[in-house]
Amino acid sequence: MQKLCMNVVVVVILANILASPAQAIPPFKKQFDAMYVEGNKDTAFVATVKKAKCFVCHDRKKDDEGKASKKNRNAYGEELSKLLDKKADKKNVEKIKKALLQVAAIHSNPKDDKSPTFGELIKSGKLPAQSSE
């Protein structure tokens, strides 16, 4: 009986670990936070970014197994992925900062030159791209 209980506990722990949502590349998230969150007096924006976590760049769309997938990026994450490679660039702080600045200048709707840029959305206290549910 004790062995059965221990097995159940292990399975529950593993299920929670494996079912966790997509995680941001820590160095990319760290530079985003340094640029836009740290020292930001807009507490609502700071709270929104902290709550969103990896969904600043990733989309909440589910894969075939019903889990949020790292492969699903929102528009902001797609633009960053064009400039950064998660393996090759994760230690290149200057390249990450440069990519964040470049993407900030891109219109949030590429088909509408009058749409706000990702940077303008951030300055107005919004996430750079709203994830769809």
N, C-alpha and C. Protein backbone atom coordinates (compact mmCIF):
# COMPACT_ATOMS: atom_id res chain seq x y z
N MET A 1 0.83 -1.20 0.00
CA MET A 1 0.00 0.00 0.00
C MET A 1 0.86 1.26 0.00
N GLN A 2 1.91 1.23 0.80
CA GLN A 2 2.81 2.39 0.88
C GLN A 2 3.49 2.62 -0.48
N LYS A 3 3.87 1.53 -1.13
CA LYS A 3 4.52 1.63 -2.43
C LYS A 3 3.55 2.23 -3.47
N LEU A 4 2.30 1.84 -3.40
CA LEU A 4 1.29 2.37 -4.31
C LEU A 4 1.11 3.87 -4.11
N CYS A 5 1.04 4.30 -2.85
CA CYS A 5 0.91 5.74 -2.55
C CYS A 5 2.10 6.52 -3.07
N MET A 6 3.28 5.97 -2.90
CA MET A 6 4.49 6.64 -3.38
C MET A 6 4.48 6.76 -4.90
N ASN A 7 4.04 5.69 -5.58
CA ASN A 7 3.95 5.72 -7.04
C ASN A 7 2.96 6.79 -7.51
N VAL A 8 1.85 6.90 -6.83
CA VAL A 8 0.84 7.91 -7.17
C VAL A 8 1.43 9.32 -7.01
N VAL A 9 2.14 9.55 -5.93
CA VAL A 9 2.76 10.85 -5.69
C VAL A 9 3.76 11.17 -6.79
N VAL A 10 4.59 10.21 -7.16
CA VAL A 10 5.58 10.42 -8.22
C VAL A 10 4.89 10.74 -9.55
N VAL A 11 3.84 10.01 -9.87
CA VAL A 11 3.11 10.26 -11.12
C VAL A 11 2.50 11.66 -11.13
N VAL A 12 1.92 12.09 -10.02
CA VAL A 12 1.32 13.42 -9.94
C VAL A 12 2.40 14.50 -10.12
N ILE A 13 3.53 14.33 -9.49
CA ILE A 13 4.62 15.30 -9.62
C ILE A 13 5.11 15.35 -11.07
N LEU A 14 5.34 14.21 -11.67
CA LEU A 14 5.80 14.18 -13.07
C LEU A 14 4.76 14.79 -14.00
N ALA A 15 3.49 14.52 -13.77
CA ALA A 15 2.44 15.08 -14.62
C ALA A 15 2.44 16.60 -14.53
N ASN A 16 2.64 17.16 -13.34
CA ASN A 16 2.68 18.61 -13.18
C ASN A 16 3.89 19.22 -13.88
N ILE A 17 5.01 18.54 -13.81
CA ILE A 17 6.22 19.04 -14.47
C ILE A 17 6.05 19.00 -15.98
N LEU A 18 5.57 17.89 -16.50
CA LEU A 18 5.43 17.74 -17.95
C LEU A 18 4.30 18.57 -18.52
N ALA A 19 3.31 18.91 -17.73
CA ALA A 19 2.17 19.67 -18.22
C ALA A 19 2.36 21.17 -18.10
N SER A 20 3.53 21.60 -17.66
CA SER A 20 3.75 23.04 -17.50
C SER A 20 3.75 23.73 -18.86
N PRO A 21 3.34 25.00 -18.90
CA PRO A 21 3.28 25.70 -20.17
C PRO A 21 4.67 25.97 -20.73
N ALA A 22 4.70 26.40 -21.98
CA ALA A 22 5.97 26.71 -22.64
C ALA A 22 6.76 27.72 -21.81
N GLN A 23 8.05 27.54 -21.80
CA GLN A 23 8.91 28.43 -21.03
C GLN A 23 9.70 29.33 -21.97
N ALA A 24 9.81 30.57 -21.62
CA ALA A 24 10.61 31.51 -22.39
C ALA A 24 12.07 31.13 -22.27
N ILE A 25 12.85 31.47 -23.28
CA ILE A 25 14.30 31.28 -23.20
C ILE A 25 14.78 32.26 -22.13
N PRO A 26 15.30 31.78 -21.01
CA PRO A 26 15.63 32.67 -19.89
C PRO A 26 16.44 33.92 -20.26
N PRO A 27 17.50 33.81 -21.07
CA PRO A 27 18.25 35.04 -21.40
C PRO A 27 17.41 36.04 -22.21
N PHE A 28 16.52 35.56 -23.06
CA PHE A 28 15.68 36.45 -23.85
C PHE A 28 14.69 37.15 -22.92
N LYS A 29 14.07 36.39 -22.04
CA LYS A 29 13.11 36.95 -21.08
C LYS A 29 13.80 37.94 -20.15
N LYS A 30 15.01 37.61 -19.73
CA LYS A 30 15.76 38.48 -18.83
C LYS A 30 16.02 39.84 -19.49
N GLN A 31 16.39 39.84 -20.75
CA GLN A 31 16.65 41.10 -21.45
C GLN A 31 15.37 41.87 -21.72
N PHE A 32 14.28 41.17 -22.02
CA PHE A 32 12.99 41.83 -22.19
C PHE A 32 12.62 42.54 -20.89
N ASP A 33 12.75 41.81 -19.78
CA ASP A 33 12.42 42.39 -18.47
C ASP A 33 13.32 43.58 -18.14
N ALA A 34 14.60 43.45 -18.45
CA ALA A 34 15.54 44.55 -18.17
C ALA A 34 15.16 45.79 -18.98
N MET A 35 14.72 45.58 -20.21
CA MET A 35 14.41 46.70 -21.09
C MET A 35 13.06 47.33 -20.79
N TYR A 36 12.06 46.51 -20.47
CA TYR A 36 10.69 47.02 -20.39
C TYR A 36 10.02 46.92 -19.03
N VAL A 37 10.52 46.07 -18.13
CA VAL A 37 9.82 45.83 -16.88
C VAL A 37 10.53 46.46 -15.69
N GLU A 38 11.82 46.20 -15.56
CA GLU A 38 12.57 46.72 -14.42
C GLU A 38 12.55 48.25 -14.42
N GLY A 39 12.14 48.82 -13.33
CA GLY A 39 12.07 50.28 -13.21
C GLY A 39 10.83 50.89 -13.84
N ASN A 40 9.97 50.07 -14.43
CA ASN A 40 8.74 50.58 -15.05
C ASN A 40 7.76 50.95 -13.95
N LYS A 41 7.27 52.18 -13.98
CA LYS A 41 6.36 52.67 -12.94
C LYS A 41 4.90 52.24 -13.20
N ASP A 42 4.64 51.68 -14.38
CA ASP A 42 3.30 51.21 -14.71
C ASP A 42 3.10 49.83 -14.07
N THR A 43 2.61 49.83 -12.85
CA THR A 43 2.48 48.58 -12.10
C THR A 43 1.53 47.59 -12.76
N ALA A 44 0.53 48.09 -13.46
CA ALA A 44 -0.41 47.19 -14.15
C ALA A 44 0.32 46.45 -15.28
N PHE A 45 1.16 47.17 -16.03
CA PHE A 45 1.93 46.53 -17.10
C PHE A 45 2.90 45.49 -16.51
N VAL A 46 3.59 45.87 -15.46
CA VAL A 46 4.55 44.95 -14.81
C VAL A 46 3.83 43.68 -14.37
N ALA A 47 2.66 43.84 -13.76
CA ALA A 47 1.89 42.68 -13.31
C ALA A 47 1.43 41.84 -14.49
N THR A 48 1.04 42.49 -15.58
CA THR A 48 0.60 41.77 -16.77
C THR A 48 1.74 40.94 -17.35
N VAL A 49 2.93 41.52 -17.44
CA VAL A 49 4.09 40.79 -17.97
C VAL A 49 4.45 39.63 -17.07
N LYS A 50 4.42 39.86 -15.77
CA LYS A 50 4.76 38.78 -14.83
C LYS A 50 3.74 37.65 -14.91
N LYS A 51 2.49 37.99 -15.10
CA LYS A 51 1.45 36.97 -15.23
C LYS A 51 1.58 36.23 -16.57
N ALA A 52 1.90 36.96 -17.61
CA ALA A 52 2.00 36.37 -18.95
C ALA A 52 3.19 35.41 -19.07
N LYS A 53 4.28 35.71 -18.36
CA LYS A 53 5.50 34.91 -18.41
C LYS A 53 5.92 34.65 -19.85
N CYS A 54 5.95 33.39 -20.24
CA CYS A 54 6.43 33.04 -21.58
C CYS A 54 5.46 33.46 -22.68
N PHE A 55 4.23 33.78 -22.30
CA PHE A 55 3.24 34.16 -23.30
C PHE A 55 3.39 35.61 -23.77
N VAL A 56 4.46 36.28 -23.35
CA VAL A 56 4.80 37.57 -23.97
C VAL A 56 5.16 37.30 -25.42
N CYS A 57 5.85 36.19 -25.68
CA CYS A 57 6.28 35.84 -27.03
C CYS A 57 5.55 34.62 -27.61
N HIS A 58 5.08 33.76 -26.74
CA HIS A 58 4.43 32.53 -27.19
C HIS A 58 2.92 32.68 -27.15
N ASP A 59 2.27 31.86 -27.95
CA ASP A 59 0.82 31.86 -28.05
C ASP A 59 0.27 30.76 -27.17
N ARG A 60 -0.93 30.94 -26.69
CA ARG A 60 -1.55 29.96 -25.81
C ARG A 60 -2.26 28.85 -26.59
N LYS A 61 -2.14 28.85 -27.91
CA LYS A 61 -2.77 27.79 -28.70
C LYS A 61 -2.27 26.44 -28.22
N LYS A 62 -3.16 25.48 -28.23
CA LYS A 62 -2.83 24.14 -27.77
C LYS A 62 -2.36 23.27 -28.93
N ASP A 63 -1.47 22.33 -28.62
CA ASP A 63 -1.06 21.37 -29.63
C ASP A 63 -2.08 20.23 -29.68
N ASP A 64 -1.78 19.19 -30.41
CA ASP A 64 -2.72 18.07 -30.57
C ASP A 64 -3.01 17.36 -29.25
N GLU A 65 -2.10 17.49 -28.28
CA GLU A 65 -2.29 16.83 -26.99
C GLU A 65 -2.95 17.75 -25.97
N GLY A 66 -3.33 18.95 -26.41
CA GLY A 66 -4.01 19.88 -25.51
C GLY A 66 -3.09 20.67 -24.62
N LYS A 67 -1.80 20.69 -24.95
CA LYS A 67 -0.83 21.44 -24.15
C LYS A 67 -0.37 22.66 -24.93
N ALA A 68 -0.05 23.74 -24.19
CA ALA A 68 0.54 24.90 -24.84
C ALA A 68 1.92 24.49 -25.34
N SER A 69 2.25 24.87 -26.55
CA SER A 69 3.50 24.43 -27.15
C SER A 69 4.45 25.59 -27.35
N LYS A 70 5.74 25.35 -27.09
CA LYS A 70 6.77 26.37 -27.32
C LYS A 70 6.83 26.76 -28.79
N LYS A 71 6.37 25.88 -29.65
CA LYS A 71 6.46 26.13 -31.09
C LYS A 71 5.46 27.18 -31.54
N ASN A 72 4.42 27.41 -30.76
CA ASN A 72 3.41 28.39 -31.11
C ASN A 72 3.82 29.75 -30.58
N ARG A 73 4.14 30.66 -31.50
CA ARG A 73 4.52 32.01 -31.10
C ARG A 73 3.44 32.98 -31.55
N ASN A 74 3.32 34.07 -30.79
CA ASN A 74 2.43 35.14 -31.23
C ASN A 74 3.21 36.00 -32.22
N ALA A 75 2.61 37.07 -32.72
CA ALA A 75 3.24 37.90 -33.75
C ALA A 75 4.58 38.48 -33.27
N TYR A 76 4.63 38.90 -32.01
CA TYR A 76 5.87 39.45 -31.45
C TYR A 76 6.96 38.38 -31.40
N GLY A 77 6.61 37.21 -30.92
CA GLY A 77 7.56 36.11 -30.85
C GLY A 77 8.04 35.66 -32.22
N GLU A 78 7.14 35.70 -33.21
CA GLU A 78 7.53 35.35 -34.57
C GLU A 78 8.60 36.30 -35.10
N GLU A 79 8.40 37.59 -34.86
CA GLU A 79 9.38 38.58 -35.33
C GLU A 79 10.72 38.40 -34.62
N LEU A 80 10.70 38.14 -33.32
CA LEU A 80 11.95 37.90 -32.60
C LEU A 80 12.65 36.65 -33.10
N SER A 81 11.88 35.61 -33.41
CA SER A 81 12.48 34.36 -33.86
C SER A 81 13.18 34.51 -35.21
N LYS A 82 12.81 35.51 -35.98
CA LYS A 82 13.49 35.77 -37.25
C LYS A 82 14.89 36.34 -37.02
N LEU A 83 15.09 36.95 -35.86
CA LEU A 83 16.36 37.62 -35.57
C LEU A 83 17.24 36.86 -34.59
N LEU A 84 16.64 35.97 -33.81
CA LEU A 84 17.38 35.26 -32.76
C LEU A 84 17.24 33.76 -32.90
N ASP A 85 18.33 33.07 -32.66
CA ASP A 85 18.32 31.61 -32.59
C ASP A 85 18.43 31.23 -31.12
N LYS A 86 17.51 30.41 -30.64
CA LYS A 86 17.46 30.12 -29.21
C LYS A 86 18.73 29.45 -28.69
N LYS A 87 19.43 28.72 -29.51
CA LYS A 87 20.67 28.07 -29.06
C LYS A 87 21.88 28.95 -29.30
N ALA A 88 22.01 29.46 -30.51
CA ALA A 88 23.22 30.21 -30.87
C ALA A 88 23.30 31.58 -30.19
N ASP A 89 22.15 32.19 -29.91
CA ASP A 89 22.15 33.57 -29.42
C ASP A 89 21.84 33.73 -27.94
N LYS A 90 21.61 32.64 -27.23
CA LYS A 90 21.17 32.79 -25.84
C LYS A 90 22.21 33.43 -24.93
N LYS A 91 23.47 33.44 -25.32
CA LYS A 91 24.51 34.08 -24.50
C LYS A 91 24.95 35.43 -25.07
N ASN A 92 24.38 35.81 -26.20
CA ASN A 92 24.76 37.05 -26.87
C ASN A 92 23.82 38.19 -26.45
N VAL A 93 24.12 38.80 -25.32
CA VAL A 93 23.25 39.83 -24.73
C VAL A 93 23.06 41.00 -25.68
N GLU A 94 24.12 41.43 -26.33
CA GLU A 94 24.01 42.57 -27.25
C GLU A 94 23.09 42.26 -28.42
N LYS A 95 23.17 41.06 -28.97
CA LYS A 95 22.31 40.68 -30.09
C LYS A 95 20.84 40.61 -29.63
N ILE A 96 20.63 40.11 -28.42
CA ILE A 96 19.26 40.03 -27.88
C ILE A 96 18.69 41.44 -27.73
N LYS A 97 19.47 42.35 -27.15
CA LYS A 97 19.00 43.74 -26.97
C LYS A 97 18.70 44.38 -28.33
N LYS A 98 19.60 44.18 -29.28
CA LYS A 98 19.41 44.75 -30.61
C LYS A 98 18.14 44.20 -31.26
N ALA A 99 17.90 42.90 -31.11
CA ALA A 99 16.70 42.29 -31.69
C ALA A 99 15.44 42.84 -31.04
N LEU A 100 15.46 43.01 -29.72
CA LEU A 100 14.29 43.59 -29.03
C LEU A 100 14.00 44.99 -29.54
N LEU A 101 15.03 45.79 -29.76
CA LEU A 101 14.84 47.14 -30.28
C LEU A 101 14.33 47.12 -31.72
N GLN A 102 14.86 46.22 -32.53
CA GLN A 102 14.42 46.12 -33.92
C GLN A 102 12.95 45.73 -33.99
N VAL A 103 12.57 44.75 -33.20
CA VAL A 103 11.18 44.27 -33.22
C VAL A 103 10.24 45.34 -32.66
N ALA A 104 10.71 46.13 -31.72
CA ALA A 104 9.88 47.20 -31.16
C ALA A 104 9.45 48.19 -32.24
N ALA A 105 10.22 48.30 -33.31
CA ALA A 105 9.91 49.25 -34.39
C ALA A 105 8.97 48.67 -35.45
N ILE A 106 8.64 47.40 -35.34
CA ILE A 106 7.79 46.73 -36.34
C ILE A 106 6.32 46.93 -35.99
N HIS A 107 5.51 47.17 -37.00
CA HIS A 107 4.07 47.32 -36.78
C HIS A 107 3.46 46.00 -36.32
N SER A 108 2.56 46.09 -35.35
CA SER A 108 1.94 44.90 -34.77
C SER A 108 1.07 44.16 -35.79
N ASN A 109 0.57 44.87 -36.79
CA ASN A 109 -0.16 44.26 -37.89
C ASN A 109 0.63 44.57 -39.16
N PRO A 110 1.34 43.60 -39.69
CA PRO A 110 2.20 43.87 -40.84
C PRO A 110 1.45 44.35 -42.09
N LYS A 111 0.15 44.13 -42.13
CA LYS A 111 -0.65 44.55 -43.28
C LYS A 111 -1.20 45.96 -43.12
N ASP A 112 -0.94 46.57 -41.95
CA ASP A 112 -1.48 47.91 -41.67
C ASP A 112 -0.37 48.82 -41.15
N ASP A 113 0.11 49.71 -42.02
CA ASP A 113 1.19 50.63 -41.63
C ASP A 113 0.75 51.62 -40.56
N LYS A 114 -0.54 51.71 -40.31
CA LYS A 114 -1.03 52.62 -39.27
C LYS A 114 -1.23 51.92 -37.93
N SER A 115 -1.00 50.61 -37.92
CA SER A 115 -1.13 49.89 -36.65
C SER A 115 0.02 50.29 -35.74
N PRO A 116 -0.18 50.21 -34.43
CA PRO A 116 0.90 50.57 -33.51
C PRO A 116 2.07 49.59 -33.65
N THR A 117 3.26 50.08 -33.40
CA THR A 117 4.41 49.18 -33.38
C THR A 117 4.36 48.38 -32.08
N PHE A 118 5.14 47.33 -32.03
CA PHE A 118 5.20 46.55 -30.80
C PHE A 118 5.71 47.42 -29.65
N GLY A 119 6.66 48.29 -29.94
CA GLY A 119 7.19 49.20 -28.93
C GLY A 119 6.14 50.18 -28.43
N GLU A 120 5.30 50.67 -29.34
CA GLU A 120 4.24 51.59 -28.93
C GLU A 120 3.22 50.89 -28.03
N LEU A 121 2.93 49.63 -28.34
CA LEU A 121 2.02 48.86 -27.48
C LEU A 121 2.61 48.72 -26.09
N ILE A 122 3.90 48.40 -26.02
CA ILE A 122 4.56 48.25 -24.72
C ILE A 122 4.54 49.57 -23.96
N LYS A 123 4.86 50.67 -24.64
CA LYS A 123 4.86 51.99 -23.98
C LYS A 123 3.48 52.37 -23.47
N SER A 124 2.44 51.88 -24.15
CA SER A 124 1.08 52.20 -23.72
C SER A 124 0.58 51.24 -22.63
N GLY A 125 1.46 50.34 -22.16
CA GLY A 125 1.10 49.44 -21.08
C GLY A 125 0.45 48.14 -21.50
N LYS A 126 0.60 47.78 -22.77
CA LYS A 126 0.01 46.54 -23.27
C LYS A 126 1.10 45.55 -23.63
N LEU A 127 0.75 44.29 -23.64
CA LEU A 127 1.69 43.29 -24.13
C LEU A 127 1.93 43.56 -25.61
N PRO A 128 3.11 43.22 -26.10
CA PRO A 128 3.41 43.51 -27.51
C PRO A 128 2.50 42.78 -28.49
N ALA A 129 2.02 41.64 -28.12
CA ALA A 129 1.06 40.90 -28.96
C ALA A 129 0.12 40.14 -28.04
N GLN A 130 -1.14 40.25 -28.29
CA GLN A 130 -2.11 39.55 -27.46
C GLN A 130 -2.18 38.10 -27.92
N SER A 131 -2.01 37.18 -26.99
CA SER A 131 -2.11 35.76 -27.32
C SER A 131 -3.57 35.39 -27.44
N SER A 132 -3.82 34.53 -28.40
CA SER A 132 -5.20 34.03 -28.53
C SER A 132 -5.38 32.84 -27.62
N GLU A 133 -6.57 32.66 -27.16
CA GLU A 133 -6.86 31.54 -26.24
C GLU A 133 -7.29 30.34 -27.03
